[in-house]
Amino acid sequence: MKISAILTSLVSLLLTVNANLKSQTVDSSMIFYTKGIEAFNKANYKKADSLLSLSIKLFPHADTYFSRAACRQKMGNRKGFCKDLGIGIQLGDKEAAKAYCKQCGSADSSYYSEDGATATKKEHFYLAIKYNSSLTDTICVFYDYLGIFYPGLDLKSLKEAAEKKVNKQNSEVSTIIEENAEFPGGIGKLQEFLGENIKIPLAVRKEGIAVKVYLKFIVSENGEAISPEILRSVPNCPECEKEAIRLVNIMPKWKPAKMSGKPVNCYFNLPIRFKAR
C-alpha cells in the first residue's frame, strides 16, 4: 500500500474516533443532565447541582446552566444563580436573559451599523445588549437586525473586522482579468446557497411580491467575499438591503479571479431576488 493511502486511512480512522468520542461525551452529558433534573424534581438540590455541573463539564449547554441556576436559587446562592444565568445569556438563552433582568440586574440596548459605528434603531445592523449587576461581571451580547445571535462578538472585534475589510477594499482591485472569480461549485451552487440561507423580509411577505436588490462586492485574492455595496435598492424595504449584505458576509470562500496565472482582487456583481413564499 502506498504511503499516501496509509496516511489517508489513518486520517479517516482518527476522524471516526474523534466523532465517536464526541458522541459519547454528549451522551454522558445528557445522562448527568437527566439525573440532575430528576434530583431537582425530588428537591435534592445539592445533588442536582453536582450532577448538572458534571454535565456542564462534559458538554456546556445553555439549558444546563439555566437548570443549575434554578438549583442555586433554591439553595439561596444568589450570586451563583445570577452567574449561571449570565453564562446562559452569553450562549444565546433568551429565557436566561429575562430571568437575569427580573432578579439580578438590568439591561441597556445600543444600536450599531455593520462597521461598528453608532446607529439608530431604524437603521441598525447590530443590536448590543449590555447586562449589568453587582453580582456578576458586565455582560454584552450581539444580535443582528433579524435577531440572529452572534456568540463571542464584541464592539472591538466588530470594528477590527470592519477596518480589515476597508484595508482589503483599499487594496488594488483588478478590472481586467483573464479568469473570473467563481463560487465553489459554480453558479448553480451559488443560487442554491442563496435559496437555503435567504430570509425574506416581512415587507415582501406582507405585500406578496417579488423584488431584486442589485449589489457588488469584492472577491479578494484569498477568495473572501468582502465590502458589499448596494447598486440598486428596493423602495421602502431597507431590510432587503441588509439581508443582501448579510448573505454576502456569510458566503464561503470563492475561487479567486486570476490574471497572468496569479490570484487577484476583483469585483463581482450579483442580483438577489426576494420573493414572498
C-alpha atoms as a PDB file:
ATOM      1  CA  MET A   1       0.000   0.000   0.000  1.00  0.00           C
ATOM      2  CA  LYS A   2       1.310   3.459  -0.876  1.00  0.00           C
ATOM      3  CA  ILE A   3       2.268   5.833   1.975  1.00  0.00           C
ATOM      4  CA  SER A   4      -0.364   8.370   0.831  1.00  0.00           C
ATOM      5  CA  ALA A   5      -3.059   5.708   1.039  1.00  0.00           C
ATOM      6  CA  ILE A   6      -1.901   4.705   4.525  1.00  0.00           C
ATOM      7  CA  LEU A   7      -1.985   8.344   5.673  1.00  0.00           C
ATOM      8  CA  THR A   8      -5.471   8.771   4.216  1.00  0.00           C
ATOM      9  CA  SER A   9      -6.657   5.677   6.096  1.00  0.00           C
ATOM     10  CA  LEU A  10      -5.123   6.942   9.361  1.00  0.00           C
ATOM     11  CA  VAL A  11      -6.753  10.370   8.981  1.00  0.00           C
ATOM     12  CA  SER A  12     -10.105   8.718   8.287  1.00  0.00           C
ATOM     13  CA  LEU A  13      -9.686   6.494  11.360  1.00  0.00           C
ATOM     14  CA  LEU A  14      -8.783   9.467  13.585  1.00  0.00           C
ATOM     15  CA  LEU A  15     -11.806  11.439  12.367  1.00  0.00           C
ATOM     16  CA  THR A  16     -14.055   8.465  13.115  1.00  0.00           C
ATOM     17  CA  VAL A  17     -12.558   8.046  16.595  1.00  0.00           C
ATOM     18  CA  ASN A  18     -12.954  11.770  17.334  1.00  0.00           C
ATOM     19  CA  ALA A  19     -16.572  11.728  16.162  1.00  0.00           C
ATOM     20  CA  ASN A  20     -17.295   8.678  18.349  1.00  0.00           C
ATOM     21  CA  LEU A  21     -15.630  10.289  21.380  1.00  0.00           C
ATOM     22  CA  LYS A  22     -17.623  13.485  20.879  1.00  0.00           C
ATOM     23  CA  SER A  23     -20.843  11.486  20.589  1.00  0.00           C
ATOM     24  CA  GLN A  24     -20.023   9.549  23.762  1.00  0.00           C
ATOM     25  CA  THR A  25     -19.242  12.807  25.580  1.00  0.00           C
ATOM     26  CA  VAL A  26     -22.589  14.325  24.590  1.00  0.00           C
ATOM     27  CA  ASP A  27     -24.407  11.125  25.600  1.00  0.00           C
ATOM     28  CA  SER A  28     -22.686  11.080  29.002  1.00  0.00           C
ATOM     29  CA  SER A  29     -23.501  14.759  29.481  1.00  0.00           C
ATOM     30  CA  MET A  30     -27.173  14.058  28.765  1.00  0.00           C
ATOM     31  CA  ILE A  31     -27.214  11.235  31.322  1.00  0.00           C
ATOM     32  CA  PHE A  32     -25.912  13.568  34.043  1.00  0.00           C
ATOM     33  CA  TYR A  33     -28.363  16.260  32.933  1.00  0.00           C
ATOM     34  CA  THR A  34     -31.339  13.887  33.108  1.00  0.00           C
ATOM     35  CA  LYS A  35     -30.310  12.604  36.535  1.00  0.00           C
ATOM     36  CA  GLY A  36     -29.788  16.190  37.672  1.00  0.00           C
ATOM     37  CA  ILE A  37     -33.315  17.155  36.647  1.00  0.00           C
ATOM     38  CA  GLU A  38     -34.669  14.074  38.439  1.00  0.00           C
ATOM     39  CA  ALA A  39     -32.834  15.118  41.625  1.00  0.00           C
ATOM     40  CA  PHE A  40     -34.150  18.674  41.257  1.00  0.00           C
ATOM     41  CA  ASN A  41     -37.740  17.437  40.939  1.00  0.00           C
ATOM     42  CA  LYS A  42     -37.221  15.487  44.177  1.00  0.00           C
ATOM     43  CA  ALA A  43     -35.984  18.703  45.869  1.00  0.00           C
ATOM     44  CA  ASN A  44     -32.479  17.250  46.283  1.00  0.00           C
ATOM     45  CA  TYR A  45     -30.888  20.466  45.069  1.00  0.00           C
ATOM     46  CA  LYS A  46     -27.344  19.793  46.228  1.00  0.00           C
ATOM     47  CA  LYS A  47     -27.229  16.501  44.320  1.00  0.00           C
ATOM     48  CA  ALA A  48     -28.861  18.136  41.309  1.00  0.00           C
ATOM     49  CA  ASP A  49     -26.240  20.890  41.343  1.00  0.00           C
ATOM     50  CA  SER A  50     -23.407  18.330  41.362  1.00  0.00           C
ATOM     51  CA  LEU A  51     -24.907  16.288  38.532  1.00  0.00           C
ATOM     52  CA  LEU A  52     -25.604  19.337  36.387  1.00  0.00           C
ATOM     53  CA  SER A  53     -22.045  20.553  36.999  1.00  0.00           C
ATOM     54  CA  LEU A  54     -20.736  17.228  35.679  1.00  0.00           C
ATOM     55  CA  SER A  55     -22.961  17.615  32.626  1.00  0.00           C
ATOM     56  CA  ILE A  56     -21.604  21.127  32.005  1.00  0.00           C
ATOM     57  CA  LYS A  57     -18.022  19.921  32.368  1.00  0.00           C
ATOM     58  CA  LEU A  58     -18.574  17.366  29.611  1.00  0.00           C
ATOM     59  CA  PHE A  59     -20.744  19.479  27.310  1.00  0.00           C
ATOM     60  CA  PRO A  60     -21.630  23.093  28.229  1.00  0.00           C
ATOM     61  CA  HIS A  61     -25.172  23.962  27.175  1.00  0.00           C
ATOM     62  CA  ALA A  62     -27.469  26.917  27.889  1.00  0.00           C
ATOM     63  CA  ASP A  63     -30.288  24.670  29.183  1.00  0.00           C
ATOM     64  CA  THR A  64     -27.955  23.036  31.684  1.00  0.00           C
ATOM     65  CA  TYR A  65     -26.724  26.371  33.004  1.00  0.00           C
ATOM     66  CA  PHE A  66     -30.325  27.547  33.336  1.00  0.00           C
ATOM     67  CA  SER A  67     -31.247  24.403  35.286  1.00  0.00           C
ATOM     68  CA  ARG A  68     -28.220  24.738  37.563  1.00  0.00           C
ATOM     69  CA  ALA A  69     -29.149  28.378  38.142  1.00  0.00           C
ATOM     70  CA  ALA A  70     -32.545  27.175  39.365  1.00  0.00           C
ATOM     71  CA  CYS A  71     -30.794  24.797  41.784  1.00  0.00           C
ATOM     72  CA  ARG A  72     -28.617  27.573  43.160  1.00  0.00           C
ATOM     73  CA  GLN A  73     -31.605  29.836  43.581  1.00  0.00           C
ATOM     74  CA  LYS A  74     -33.336  27.124  45.615  1.00  0.00           C
ATOM     75  CA  MET A  75     -30.195  26.784  47.771  1.00  0.00           C
ATOM     76  CA  GLY A  76     -30.053  30.530  48.378  1.00  0.00           C
ATOM     77  CA  ASN A  77     -26.899  31.002  46.303  1.00  0.00           C
ATOM     78  CA  ARG A  78     -27.977  34.217  44.558  1.00  0.00           C
ATOM     79  CA  LYS A  79     -24.539  35.024  43.172  1.00  0.00           C
ATOM     80  CA  GLY A  80     -24.176  31.544  41.665  1.00  0.00           C
ATOM     81  CA  PHE A  81     -27.740  31.812  40.354  1.00  0.00           C
ATOM     82  CA  CYS A  82     -27.027  35.096  38.540  1.00  0.00           C
ATOM     83  CA  LYS A  83     -23.624  33.924  37.311  1.00  0.00           C
ATOM     84  CA  ASP A  84     -25.150  30.861  35.628  1.00  0.00           C
ATOM     85  CA  LEU A  85     -27.878  32.997  34.058  1.00  0.00           C
ATOM     86  CA  GLY A  86     -25.133  35.286  32.765  1.00  0.00           C
ATOM     87  CA  ILE A  87     -23.343  32.367  31.124  1.00  0.00           C
ATOM     88  CA  GLY A  88     -26.655  31.298  29.608  1.00  0.00           C
ATOM     89  CA  ILE A  89     -27.075  34.798  28.156  1.00  0.00           C
ATOM     90  CA  GLN A  90     -23.639  34.508  26.534  1.00  0.00           C
ATOM     91  CA  LEU A  91     -24.821  31.238  24.960  1.00  0.00           C
ATOM     92  CA  GLY A  92     -27.868  32.969  23.467  1.00  0.00           C
ATOM     93  CA  ASP A  93     -30.509  31.887  26.006  1.00  0.00           C
ATOM     94  CA  LYS A  94     -33.305  34.481  25.948  1.00  0.00           C
ATOM     95  CA  GLU A  95     -35.131  32.883  28.906  1.00  0.00           C
ATOM     96  CA  ALA A  96     -31.957  33.325  30.963  1.00  0.00           C
ATOM     97  CA  ALA A  97     -31.883  36.972  29.875  1.00  0.00           C
ATOM     98  CA  LYS A  98     -35.463  37.528  31.089  1.00  0.00           C
ATOM     99  CA  ALA A  99     -34.728  35.897  34.449  1.00  0.00           C
ATOM    100  CA  TYR A 100     -31.497  37.904  34.823  1.00  0.00           C
ATOM    101  CA  CYS A 101     -33.256  41.226  34.223  1.00  0.00           C
ATOM    102  CA  LYS A 102     -36.036  40.295  36.632  1.00  0.00           C
ATOM    103  CA  GLN A 103     -33.905  39.026  39.511  1.00  0.00           C
ATOM    104  CA  CYS A 104     -30.251  40.016  39.048  1.00  0.00           C
ATOM    105  CA  GLY A 105     -29.818  43.356  37.327  1.00  0.00           C
ATOM    106  CA  SER A 106     -30.739  45.477  34.330  1.00  0.00           C
ATOM    107  CA  ALA A 107     -30.122  45.652  30.609  1.00  0.00           C
ATOM    108  CA  ASP A 108     -29.399  48.502  28.189  1.00  0.00           C
ATOM    109  CA  SER A 109     -29.614  48.369  24.407  1.00  0.00           C
ATOM    110  CA  SER A 110     -27.350  50.061  21.853  1.00  0.00           C
ATOM    111  CA  TYR A 111     -27.511  50.017  18.075  1.00  0.00           C
ATOM    112  CA  TYR A 112     -24.621  49.769  15.618  1.00  0.00           C
ATOM    113  CA  SER A 113     -24.019  49.711  11.890  1.00  0.00           C
ATOM    114  CA  GLU A 114     -22.210  46.838  10.218  1.00  0.00           C
ATOM    115  CA  ASP A 115     -18.854  48.587  10.713  1.00  0.00           C
ATOM    116  CA  GLY A 116     -19.400  49.215  14.439  1.00  0.00           C
ATOM    117  CA  ALA A 117     -20.479  52.868  14.201  1.00  0.00           C
ATOM    118  CA  THR A 118     -23.371  54.057  16.391  1.00  0.00           C
ATOM    119  CA  ALA A 119     -26.691  53.766  14.544  1.00  0.00           C
ATOM    120  CA  THR A 120     -30.380  54.445  15.097  1.00  0.00           C
ATOM    121  CA  LYS A 121     -32.863  51.716  15.960  1.00  0.00           C
ATOM    122  CA  LYS A 122     -34.406  52.046  12.497  1.00  0.00           C
ATOM    123  CA  GLU A 123     -31.129  51.788  10.564  1.00  0.00           C
ATOM    124  CA  HIS A 124     -29.084  49.459  12.769  1.00  0.00           C
ATOM    125  CA  PHE A 125     -27.416  46.237  11.664  1.00  0.00           C
ATOM    126  CA  TYR A 126     -26.418  45.017  15.127  1.00  0.00           C
ATOM    127  CA  LEU A 127     -28.212  45.254  18.455  1.00  0.00           C
ATOM    128  CA  ALA A 128     -25.928  45.149  21.504  1.00  0.00           C
ATOM    129  CA  ILE A 129     -27.499  44.343  24.874  1.00  0.00           C
ATOM    130  CA  LYS A 130     -25.442  45.085  27.965  1.00  0.00           C
ATOM    131  CA  TYR A 131     -26.416  43.382  31.220  1.00  0.00           C
ATOM    132  CA  ASN A 132     -25.323  44.992  34.489  1.00  0.00           C
ATOM    133  CA  SER A 133     -25.434  43.595  38.009  1.00  0.00           C
ATOM    134  CA  SER A 134     -23.492  43.963  41.249  1.00  0.00           C
ATOM    135  CA  LEU A 135     -23.433  40.149  41.417  1.00  0.00           C
ATOM    136  CA  THR A 136     -21.736  39.439  38.074  1.00  0.00           C
ATOM    137  CA  ASP A 137     -19.326  40.952  35.602  1.00  0.00           C
ATOM    138  CA  THR A 138     -20.872  43.127  32.891  1.00  0.00           C
ATOM    139  CA  ILE A 139     -22.185  41.002  30.024  1.00  0.00           C
ATOM    140  CA  CYS A 140     -22.640  42.244  26.455  1.00  0.00           C
ATOM    141  CA  VAL A 141     -24.138  40.197  23.640  1.00  0.00           C
ATOM    142  CA  PHE A 142     -24.849  40.990  19.995  1.00  0.00           C
ATOM    143  CA  TYR A 143     -27.789  40.170  17.716  1.00  0.00           C
ATOM    144  CA  ASP A 144     -28.264  41.289  14.134  1.00  0.00           C
ATOM    145  CA  TYR A 145     -31.366  43.029  12.781  1.00  0.00           C
ATOM    146  CA  LEU A 146     -33.007  39.636  12.159  1.00  0.00           C
ATOM    147  CA  GLY A 147     -32.499  38.587  15.773  1.00  0.00           C
ATOM    148  CA  ILE A 148     -29.700  36.138  14.957  1.00  0.00           C
ATOM    149  CA  PHE A 149     -27.326  35.715  17.904  1.00  0.00           C
ATOM    150  CA  TYR A 150     -23.580  36.263  17.374  1.00  0.00           C
ATOM    151  CA  PRO A 151     -21.687  34.402  20.124  1.00  0.00           C
ATOM    152  CA  GLY A 152     -18.365  35.926  21.114  1.00  0.00           C
ATOM    153  CA  LEU A 153     -18.870  39.132  19.139  1.00  0.00           C
ATOM    154  CA  ASP A 154     -17.943  42.406  20.823  1.00  0.00           C
ATOM    155  CA  LEU A 155     -17.616  46.011  19.681  1.00  0.00           C
ATOM    156  CA  LYS A 156     -13.825  45.865  19.485  1.00  0.00           C
ATOM    157  CA  SER A 157     -13.746  42.782  17.237  1.00  0.00           C
ATOM    158  CA  LEU A 158     -16.587  44.256  15.153  1.00  0.00           C
ATOM    159  CA  LYS A 159     -14.600  47.435  14.484  1.00  0.00           C
ATOM    160  CA  GLU A 160     -11.398  45.479  13.833  1.00  0.00           C
ATOM    161  CA  ALA A 161     -13.191  43.283  11.279  1.00  0.00           C
ATOM    162  CA  ALA A 162     -14.658  46.391   9.604  1.00  0.00           C
ATOM    163  CA  GLU A 163     -11.215  48.032   9.461  1.00  0.00           C
ATOM    164  CA  LYS A 164      -9.744  44.852   7.974  1.00  0.00           C
ATOM    165  CA  LYS A 165     -12.411  44.895   5.260  1.00  0.00           C
ATOM    166  CA  VAL A 166     -11.713  48.552   4.482  1.00  0.00           C
ATOM    167  CA  ASN A 167      -7.993  47.821   4.165  1.00  0.00           C
ATOM    168  CA  LYS A 168      -8.722  44.973   1.762  1.00  0.00           C
ATOM    169  CA  GLN A 169     -11.104  47.168  -0.192  1.00  0.00           C
ATOM    170  CA  ASN A 170      -8.471  49.879  -0.500  1.00  0.00           C
ATOM    171  CA  SER A 171      -6.010  47.404  -1.983  1.00  0.00           C
ATOM    172  CA  GLU A 172      -5.888  47.246  -5.759  1.00  0.00           C
ATOM    173  CA  VAL A 173      -8.936  45.706  -7.409  1.00  0.00           C
ATOM    174  CA  SER A 174      -8.364  44.406 -10.917  1.00  0.00           C
ATOM    175  CA  THR A 175     -10.867  45.423 -13.579  1.00  0.00           C
ATOM    176  CA  ILE A 176      -9.141  43.421 -16.305  1.00  0.00           C
ATOM    177  CA  ILE A 177      -8.917  39.718 -15.531  1.00  0.00           C
ATOM    178  CA  GLU A 178      -8.326  36.553 -17.507  1.00  0.00           C
ATOM    179  CA  GLU A 179     -10.291  34.195 -15.273  1.00  0.00           C
ATOM    180  CA  ASN A 180     -13.329  35.392 -13.314  1.00  0.00           C
ATOM    181  CA  ALA A 181     -13.994  34.618  -9.651  1.00  0.00           C
ATOM    182  CA  GLU A 182     -16.245  31.612  -9.090  1.00  0.00           C
ATOM    183  CA  PHE A 183     -18.446  30.483  -6.221  1.00  0.00           C
ATOM    184  CA  PRO A 184     -17.449  26.952  -5.086  1.00  0.00           C
ATOM    185  CA  GLY A 185     -19.358  24.585  -7.354  1.00  0.00           C
ATOM    186  CA  GLY A 186     -20.357  27.271  -9.840  1.00  0.00           C
ATOM    187  CA  ILE A 187     -23.387  29.497 -10.387  1.00  0.00           C
ATOM    188  CA  GLY A 188     -25.834  26.694  -9.641  1.00  0.00           C
ATOM    189  CA  LYS A 189     -24.343  26.186  -6.164  1.00  0.00           C
ATOM    190  CA  LEU A 190     -24.435  29.970  -5.621  1.00  0.00           C
ATOM    191  CA  GLN A 191     -28.172  30.024  -6.330  1.00  0.00           C
ATOM    192  CA  GLU A 192     -28.594  27.007  -4.042  1.00  0.00           C
ATOM    193  CA  PHE A 193     -26.684  28.811  -1.274  1.00  0.00           C
ATOM    194  CA  LEU A 194     -28.859  31.907  -1.628  1.00  0.00           C
ATOM    195  CA  GLY A 195     -32.058  29.841  -1.628  1.00  0.00           C
ATOM    196  CA  GLU A 196     -31.051  27.953   1.542  1.00  0.00           C
ATOM    197  CA  ASN A 197     -29.874  30.976   3.515  1.00  0.00           C
ATOM    198  CA  ILE A 198     -32.078  33.887   2.439  1.00  0.00           C
ATOM    199  CA  LYS A 199     -34.540  35.307   4.959  1.00  0.00           C
ATOM    200  CA  ILE A 200     -37.467  37.048   3.266  1.00  0.00           C
ATOM    201  CA  PRO A 201     -38.197  40.434   4.920  1.00  0.00           C
ATOM    202  CA  LEU A 202     -41.628  40.994   6.414  1.00  0.00           C
ATOM    203  CA  ALA A 203     -42.412  43.824   3.979  1.00  0.00           C
ATOM    204  CA  VAL A 204     -42.015  41.464   0.999  1.00  0.00           C
ATOM    205  CA  ARG A 205     -44.065  38.716   2.648  1.00  0.00           C
ATOM    206  CA  LYS A 206     -46.879  41.115   3.537  1.00  0.00           C
ATOM    207  CA  GLU A 207     -47.137  42.510   0.013  1.00  0.00           C
ATOM    208  CA  GLY A 208     -46.771  39.091  -1.618  1.00  0.00           C
ATOM    209  CA  ILE A 209     -44.358  40.482  -4.203  1.00  0.00           C
ATOM    210  CA  ALA A 210     -41.004  39.654  -5.816  1.00  0.00           C
ATOM    211  CA  VAL A 211     -38.201  42.229  -5.852  1.00  0.00           C
ATOM    212  CA  LYS A 212     -34.479  42.345  -6.577  1.00  0.00           C
ATOM    213  CA  VAL A 213     -31.547  44.026  -4.869  1.00  0.00           C
ATOM    214  CA  TYR A 214     -28.509  44.601  -7.060  1.00  0.00           C
ATOM    215  CA  LEU A 215     -25.141  44.768  -5.340  1.00  0.00           C
ATOM    216  CA  LYS A 216     -21.457  44.352  -5.971  1.00  0.00           C
ATOM    217  CA  PHE A 217     -18.701  43.083  -3.725  1.00  0.00           C
ATOM    218  CA  ILE A 218     -15.040  42.240  -3.865  1.00  0.00           C
ATOM    219  CA  VAL A 219     -13.795  38.689  -4.153  1.00  0.00           C
ATOM    220  CA  SER A 220     -10.334  39.031  -2.653  1.00  0.00           C
ATOM    221  CA  GLU A 221      -7.236  37.236  -3.855  1.00  0.00           C
ATOM    222  CA  ASN A 222      -7.770  34.935  -0.858  1.00  0.00           C
ATOM    223  CA  GLY A 223     -11.303  34.095  -2.032  1.00  0.00           C
ATOM    224  CA  GLU A 224     -13.169  36.091   0.622  1.00  0.00           C
ATOM    225  CA  ALA A 225     -16.386  37.916  -0.346  1.00  0.00           C
ATOM    226  CA  ILE A 226     -15.955  41.383   1.209  1.00  0.00           C
ATOM    227  CA  SER A 227     -17.106  45.017   1.062  1.00  0.00           C
ATOM    228  CA  PRO A 228     -20.645  44.565  -0.330  1.00  0.00           C
ATOM    229  CA  GLU A 229     -22.137  47.719  -1.848  1.00  0.00           C
ATOM    230  CA  ILE A 230     -25.751  48.252  -2.904  1.00  0.00           C
ATOM    231  CA  LEU A 231     -26.087  49.317  -6.553  1.00  0.00           C
ATOM    232  CA  ARG A 232     -29.875  49.350  -6.789  1.00  0.00           C
ATOM    233  CA  SER A 233     -32.145  49.035  -3.775  1.00  0.00           C
ATOM    234  CA  VAL A 234     -35.823  48.249  -3.274  1.00  0.00           C
ATOM    235  CA  PRO A 235     -38.032  51.237  -2.333  1.00  0.00           C
ATOM    236  CA  ASN A 236     -39.469  51.037   1.187  1.00  0.00           C
ATOM    237  CA  CYS A 237     -37.529  47.881   2.042  1.00  0.00           C
ATOM    238  CA  PRO A 238     -34.275  48.686   3.878  1.00  0.00           C
ATOM    239  CA  GLU A 239     -34.414  45.151   5.287  1.00  0.00           C
ATOM    240  CA  CYS A 240     -33.872  43.831   1.741  1.00  0.00           C
ATOM    241  CA  GLU A 241     -30.571  45.718   1.522  1.00  0.00           C
ATOM    242  CA  LYS A 242     -29.455  44.483   4.936  1.00  0.00           C
ATOM    243  CA  GLU A 243     -30.317  40.899   4.064  1.00  0.00           C
ATOM    244  CA  ALA A 244     -28.445  41.084   0.747  1.00  0.00           C
ATOM    245  CA  ILE A 245     -25.365  42.363   2.599  1.00  0.00           C
ATOM    246  CA  ARG A 246     -25.725  39.651   5.247  1.00  0.00           C
ATOM    247  CA  LEU A 247     -25.800  36.951   2.577  1.00  0.00           C
ATOM    248  CA  VAL A 248     -22.526  38.206   1.089  1.00  0.00           C
ATOM    249  CA  ASN A 249     -20.921  38.325   4.534  1.00  0.00           C
ATOM    250  CA  ILE A 250     -21.719  34.659   5.273  1.00  0.00           C
ATOM    251  CA  MET A 251     -20.588  33.301   1.914  1.00  0.00           C
ATOM    252  CA  PRO A 252     -17.906  30.598   1.901  1.00  0.00           C
ATOM    253  CA  LYS A 253     -14.598  31.279   0.193  1.00  0.00           C
ATOM    254  CA  TRP A 254     -14.728  31.676  -3.578  1.00  0.00           C
ATOM    255  CA  LYS A 255     -12.242  30.589  -6.193  1.00  0.00           C
ATOM    256  CA  PRO A 256     -10.498  33.955  -6.785  1.00  0.00           C
ATOM    257  CA  ALA A 257     -10.106  35.650 -10.133  1.00  0.00           C
ATOM    258  CA  LYS A 258      -6.758  35.292 -11.895  1.00  0.00           C
ATOM    259  CA  MET A 259      -4.537  37.476 -14.017  1.00  0.00           C
ATOM    260  CA  SER A 260      -1.376  36.032 -15.582  1.00  0.00           C
ATOM    261  CA  GLY A 261      -1.983  32.896 -13.535  1.00  0.00           C
ATOM    262  CA  LYS A 262      -1.984  34.757 -10.194  1.00  0.00           C
ATOM    263  CA  PRO A 263      -4.976  35.329  -7.856  1.00  0.00           C
ATOM    264  CA  VAL A 264      -6.196  38.945  -7.845  1.00  0.00           C
ATOM    265  CA  ASN A 265      -8.931  41.013  -6.210  1.00  0.00           C
ATOM    266  CA  CYS A 266     -11.949  41.601  -8.425  1.00  0.00           C
ATOM    267  CA  TYR A 267     -15.480  42.966  -8.302  1.00  0.00           C
ATOM    268  CA  PHE A 268     -18.487  40.681  -8.660  1.00  0.00           C
ATOM    269  CA  ASN A 269     -21.994  41.972  -9.433  1.00  0.00           C
ATOM    270  CA  LEU A 270     -24.946  39.991  -8.125  1.00  0.00           C
ATOM    271  CA  PRO A 271     -28.731  40.443  -8.161  1.00  0.00           C
ATOM    272  CA  ILE A 272     -30.527  38.873  -5.194  1.00  0.00           C
ATOM    273  CA  ARG A 273     -34.211  38.118  -5.623  1.00  0.00           C
ATOM    274  CA  PHE A 274     -36.685  38.288  -2.748  1.00  0.00           C
ATOM    275  CA  LYS A 275     -39.987  36.544  -3.356  1.00  0.00           C
ATOM    276  CA  ALA A 276     -42.872  36.010  -0.953  1.00  0.00           C
ATOM    277  CA  ARG A 277     -43.277  32.302  -0.211  1.00  0.00           C
END
